[in-house]
Amino acid sequence: MTSGGEAFLFWVLGPISVIAALGLLFAKKAVHAALAMALVMINLGVFYIAQNADFLGIVQIFVYTGAVMMLFLFVLMLVGVDSSDSLVETIKGQKWVALLLALGLGGLLVSTIGHVTFPAAAGLDRANADGNVTGVANLIFGKYVWVFEVTSALLITAALGAMVLAHRERLTERLTQREWSERRFREGKNLAGLPAPGVYARHNAVDTPALLPDGTPSELSVSRVLTAREQILTPERYEEAEQAIEREIEEGRAR
């Protein structure tokens, strides 16, 4: 029997999980898809705990949401979240073939699952007779040990594949700090080095450009993400603010 609290928990977190799953499928940015997946994993952990599967719930939250999601985020940082894939088909007709294969796989799964017969439910008391951890261990390392090992091999292969895709061969030798310094002097650019982010005469802020030795604001000292979002004090706005401050000072002196 389902208790009132368990039913309330399901009807609250169930729609949230479905919306997050749809966000994983239709999100345009990889970071948003990863966050949606993390939300689904956390909700699954709460569902497991509500069903008296404490071990599965804790593992779902700590291992999958904590460790596996960190792996996804590392891959996103290595590959790059701002890199866009080409939408031009390199192989003609591949979308229709993929659609037919997906429909065939869906029909096969529906027909197979529809003929499955399940034995009578044993109940949680019998399944957790020796404890939830012991019951899960008997299934993972006993009855389903080969499925568990194959899944582990697939996860390791996926991690290695992500590392291979993110790897870039270095075509030139790595320059030392002295070579970089000599190169700057030969080219005559940034002789004093690049300005540090957020360095400003009045305060430190990542949305404020640094000042070059000649007193002009530098656009290189501001994050390109803030520049795209128009959340920075541009050199033009900075000069306007300086002029406004000077006018206020002169008006105050005149008074």
Protein backbone atom coordinates (compact mmCIF):
# COMPACT_ATOMS: atom_id res chain seq x y z
CA MET A 1 0.00 0.00 0.00
CA THR A 2 1.21 3.49 -0.84
CA SER A 3 1.11 5.98 2.03
CA GLY A 4 -0.19 9.52 1.66
CA GLY A 5 3.25 11.05 2.08
CA GLU A 6 4.76 8.76 -0.54
CA ALA A 7 1.97 9.55 -3.01
CA PHE A 8 2.39 13.28 -2.39
CA LEU A 9 6.14 12.98 -2.94
CA PHE A 10 5.61 11.10 -6.21
CA TRP A 11 3.08 13.60 -7.62
CA VAL A 12 5.34 16.51 -6.74
CA LEU A 13 8.68 15.14 -7.95
CA GLY A 14 7.25 13.08 -10.84
CA PRO A 15 6.30 16.05 -13.07
CA ILE A 16 9.59 17.76 -12.18
CA SER A 17 11.50 14.67 -13.30
CA VAL A 18 9.55 14.49 -16.57
CA ILE A 19 10.18 18.19 -17.31
CA ALA A 20 13.89 17.77 -16.52
CA ALA A 21 14.06 14.70 -18.78
CA LEU A 22 12.47 16.66 -21.62
CA GLY A 23 14.96 19.45 -20.95
CA LEU A 24 17.76 16.91 -21.33
CA LEU A 25 16.42 15.98 -24.77
CA PHE A 26 15.57 19.43 -26.10
CA ALA A 27 18.09 21.73 -24.37
CA LYS A 28 20.20 23.67 -26.87
CA LYS A 29 23.16 24.10 -24.52
CA ALA A 30 25.15 21.16 -23.20
CA VAL A 31 25.44 22.67 -19.72
CA HIS A 32 21.66 22.99 -19.42
CA ALA A 33 21.27 19.36 -20.51
CA ALA A 34 23.79 18.25 -17.87
CA LEU A 35 21.96 20.19 -15.14
CA ALA A 36 18.65 18.66 -16.22
CA MET A 37 20.21 15.19 -16.01
CA ALA A 38 21.52 15.96 -12.51
CA LEU A 39 18.01 16.96 -11.42
CA VAL A 40 16.56 13.70 -12.77
CA MET A 41 19.24 11.67 -10.94
CA ILE A 42 18.57 13.44 -7.64
CA ASN A 43 14.83 12.83 -7.96
CA LEU A 44 15.46 9.15 -8.69
CA GLY A 45 17.54 8.93 -5.52
CA VAL A 46 14.66 10.43 -3.52
CA PHE A 47 12.25 7.91 -5.09
CA TYR A 48 14.55 5.01 -4.11
CA ILE A 49 14.76 6.22 -0.53
CA ALA A 50 10.98 6.60 -0.38
CA GLN A 51 10.68 2.93 -1.50
CA ASN A 52 12.94 1.78 1.38
CA ALA A 53 15.86 1.24 -0.99
CA ASP A 54 18.25 3.32 1.07
CA PHE A 55 21.45 1.97 -0.48
CA LEU A 56 20.29 2.59 -4.05
CA GLY A 57 19.12 6.09 -3.16
CA ILE A 58 22.42 7.09 -1.56
CA VAL A 59 24.42 5.56 -4.42
CA GLN A 60 22.21 7.31 -6.96
CA ILE A 61 22.87 10.71 -5.39
CA PHE A 62 26.54 10.36 -4.40
CA VAL A 63 27.90 8.16 -7.21
CA TYR A 64 25.81 9.06 -10.24
CA THR A 65 24.91 12.68 -9.43
CA GLY A 66 28.25 13.42 -7.80
CA ALA A 67 30.86 11.38 -9.66
CA VAL A 68 29.32 10.65 -13.08
CA MET A 69 27.97 14.19 -13.48
CA MET A 70 31.41 15.56 -12.60
CA LEU A 71 32.78 13.37 -15.41
CA PHE A 72 30.23 14.85 -17.81
CA LEU A 73 31.13 18.38 -16.77
CA PHE A 74 34.85 17.67 -17.19
CA VAL A 75 34.16 16.38 -20.70
CA LEU A 76 32.16 19.53 -21.46
CA MET A 77 35.04 21.68 -20.27
CA LEU A 78 37.53 19.71 -22.37
CA VAL A 79 35.45 19.65 -25.54
CA GLY A 80 34.07 23.18 -25.11
CA VAL A 81 30.52 24.29 -24.42
CA ASP A 82 30.60 27.00 -27.08
CA SER A 83 31.54 24.70 -29.96
CA SER A 84 28.64 24.16 -32.34
CA ASP A 85 28.11 21.06 -34.44
CA SER A 86 27.44 21.28 -38.14
CA LEU A 87 23.85 20.57 -39.16
CA VAL A 88 24.81 19.68 -42.72
CA GLU A 89 24.38 15.98 -43.49
CA THR A 90 27.63 14.39 -44.60
CA ILE A 91 25.82 11.15 -45.49
CA LYS A 92 22.60 11.53 -47.47
CA GLY A 93 19.55 9.89 -45.97
CA GLN A 94 21.14 9.16 -42.60
CA LYS A 95 18.30 10.84 -40.69
CA TRP A 96 15.67 8.63 -42.34
CA VAL A 97 17.74 5.52 -41.73
CA ALA A 98 18.23 6.51 -38.09
CA LEU A 99 14.46 7.12 -37.76
CA LEU A 100 13.63 3.70 -39.23
CA LEU A 101 16.15 2.00 -36.95
CA ALA A 102 14.75 3.83 -33.92
CA LEU A 103 11.19 2.79 -34.82
CA GLY A 104 12.32 -0.79 -35.35
CA LEU A 105 14.12 -0.84 -32.00
CA GLY A 106 11.06 0.65 -30.29
CA GLY A 107 8.77 -1.95 -31.85
CA LEU A 108 11.14 -4.76 -30.84
CA LEU A 109 11.26 -3.53 -27.24
CA VAL A 110 7.48 -3.12 -27.03
CA SER A 111 6.84 -6.59 -28.46
CA THR A 112 9.44 -8.19 -26.19
CA ILE A 113 8.41 -6.43 -23.00
CA GLY A 114 4.73 -7.09 -23.76
CA HIS A 115 5.27 -10.89 -23.59
CA VAL A 116 7.27 -10.82 -20.34
CA THR A 117 5.70 -12.65 -17.41
CA PHE A 118 6.65 -11.57 -13.90
CA PRO A 119 6.44 -13.85 -10.86
CA ALA A 120 4.60 -12.82 -7.75
CA ALA A 121 6.18 -9.92 -5.89
CA ALA A 122 8.35 -11.01 -2.97
CA GLY A 123 7.91 -7.80 -1.01
CA LEU A 124 10.43 -5.54 0.66
CA ASP A 125 10.48 -7.53 3.89
CA ARG A 126 11.72 -10.64 2.08
CA ALA A 127 14.06 -8.75 -0.27
CA ASN A 128 15.64 -6.86 2.63
CA ALA A 129 15.63 -9.74 5.07
CA ASP A 130 19.40 -9.50 5.60
CA GLY A 131 19.51 -5.76 5.00
CA ASN A 132 19.16 -3.57 1.92
CA VAL A 133 22.89 -3.47 1.23
CA THR A 134 23.22 -7.26 1.43
CA GLY A 135 20.20 -7.79 -0.85
CA VAL A 136 21.57 -5.41 -3.49
CA ALA A 137 25.03 -7.00 -3.25
CA ASN A 138 23.59 -10.49 -3.82
CA LEU A 139 21.88 -9.29 -7.00
CA ILE A 140 24.77 -7.24 -8.40
CA PHE A 141 27.60 -9.64 -7.59
CA GLY A 142 25.55 -12.81 -7.89
CA LYS A 143 22.61 -13.07 -10.28
CA TYR A 144 23.46 -10.06 -12.46
CA VAL A 145 27.25 -10.04 -12.13
CA TRP A 146 27.90 -10.30 -15.90
CA VAL A 147 25.44 -7.52 -16.70
CA PHE A 148 27.17 -5.38 -14.09
CA GLU A 149 30.63 -6.09 -15.55
CA VAL A 150 29.48 -5.37 -19.12
CA THR A 151 27.95 -2.08 -17.99
CA SER A 152 31.22 -1.17 -16.26
CA ALA A 153 33.15 -1.93 -19.45
CA LEU A 154 30.79 0.29 -21.47
CA LEU A 155 31.22 3.18 -19.01
CA ILE A 156 35.01 2.86 -19.15
CA THR A 157 34.89 2.75 -22.95
CA ALA A 158 32.72 5.88 -23.01
CA ALA A 159 35.17 7.70 -20.72
CA LEU A 160 38.13 6.71 -22.90
CA GLY A 161 36.22 7.76 -26.02
CA ALA A 162 35.53 11.18 -24.49
CA MET A 163 39.23 11.57 -23.70
CA VAL A 164 40.17 10.63 -27.27
CA LEU A 165 37.66 13.09 -28.74
CA ALA A 166 38.87 15.89 -26.48
CA HIS A 167 42.57 15.23 -27.16
CA ARG A 168 44.34 17.60 -29.50
CA GLU A 169 47.73 16.91 -30.98
CA ARG A 170 50.28 19.66 -30.44
CA LEU A 171 51.72 20.69 -33.80
CA THR A 172 54.44 22.94 -32.39
CA GLU A 173 56.74 22.77 -29.40
CA ARG A 174 55.62 24.31 -26.12
CA LEU A 175 57.15 27.76 -25.64
CA THR A 176 58.87 28.61 -22.38
CA GLN A 177 58.20 31.78 -20.39
CA ARG A 178 61.44 33.34 -21.66
CA GLU A 179 60.51 32.59 -25.28
CA TRP A 180 57.07 34.15 -24.78
CA SER A 181 58.72 37.28 -23.32
CA GLU A 182 61.17 37.56 -26.22
CA ARG A 183 58.32 37.08 -28.67
CA ARG A 184 56.32 39.94 -27.12
CA PHE A 185 59.30 42.30 -27.41
CA ARG A 186 59.97 41.32 -31.02
CA GLU A 187 56.33 41.94 -32.00
CA GLY A 188 56.06 45.07 -29.86
CA LYS A 189 52.74 44.00 -28.28
CA ASN A 190 51.92 43.92 -24.56
CA LEU A 191 55.48 44.70 -23.50
CA ALA A 192 54.42 45.00 -19.87
CA GLY A 193 52.39 41.80 -20.06
CA LEU A 194 48.66 41.30 -20.34
CA PRO A 195 46.54 43.18 -17.81
CA ALA A 196 45.20 41.17 -14.92
CA PRO A 197 41.41 40.64 -14.83
CA GLY A 198 39.54 43.04 -12.59
CA VAL A 199 42.44 45.40 -11.83
CA TYR A 200 41.01 48.89 -11.53
CA ALA A 201 41.93 52.09 -9.78
CA ARG A 202 38.91 52.20 -7.45
CA HIS A 203 37.84 48.58 -6.90
CA ASN A 204 38.38 45.00 -8.05
CA ALA A 205 35.60 43.54 -10.20
CA VAL A 206 35.56 41.01 -13.03
CA ASP A 207 33.10 43.18 -14.98
CA THR A 208 35.44 46.19 -15.01
CA PRO A 209 38.29 46.41 -17.54
CA ALA A 210 41.84 46.95 -16.39
CA LEU A 211 43.80 50.09 -17.19
CA LEU A 212 46.75 49.95 -19.53
CA PRO A 213 49.97 51.87 -18.76
CA ASP A 214 48.72 54.79 -20.86
CA GLY A 215 45.51 55.00 -18.83
CA THR A 216 43.13 53.58 -21.43
CA PRO A 217 40.85 50.66 -20.51
CA SER A 218 41.76 47.24 -21.90
CA GLU A 219 39.14 44.96 -23.42
CA LEU A 220 41.45 41.94 -23.05
CA SER A 221 41.09 41.99 -19.26
CA VAL A 222 37.35 41.21 -19.29
CA SER A 223 35.84 37.75 -19.71
CA ARG A 224 34.38 37.14 -23.17
CA VAL A 225 31.32 35.59 -21.51
CA LEU A 226 30.51 38.86 -19.76
CA THR A 227 31.21 40.70 -23.00
CA ALA A 228 28.66 38.53 -24.86
CA ARG A 229 26.10 39.15 -22.13
CA GLU A 230 26.77 42.91 -22.22
CA GLN A 231 27.45 42.90 -18.48
CA ILE A 232 30.71 44.83 -18.54
CA LEU A 233 31.76 48.43 -18.35
CA THR A 234 32.98 49.00 -21.90
CA PRO A 235 35.74 51.54 -22.61
CA GLU A 236 33.20 53.93 -24.08
CA ARG A 237 30.94 53.71 -21.04
CA TYR A 238 34.01 53.98 -18.82
CA GLU A 239 35.09 57.22 -20.51
CA GLU A 240 31.56 58.59 -20.26
CA ALA A 241 31.49 57.75 -16.55
CA GLU A 242 34.88 59.43 -16.06
CA GLN A 243 33.69 62.55 -17.83
CA ALA A 244 30.51 62.62 -15.78
CA ILE A 245 32.52 62.33 -12.56
CA GLU A 246 34.85 65.13 -13.67
CA ARG A 247 31.86 67.37 -14.47
CA GLU A 248 30.34 66.69 -11.06
CA ILE A 249 33.65 67.55 -9.40
CA GLU A 250 33.94 70.79 -11.37
CA GLU A 251 30.33 71.73 -10.55
CA GLY A 252 30.98 71.01 -6.88
CA ARG A 253 34.07 73.25 -6.91
CA ALA A 254 32.14 76.00 -8.70
CA ARG A 255 29.49 75.93 -5.99
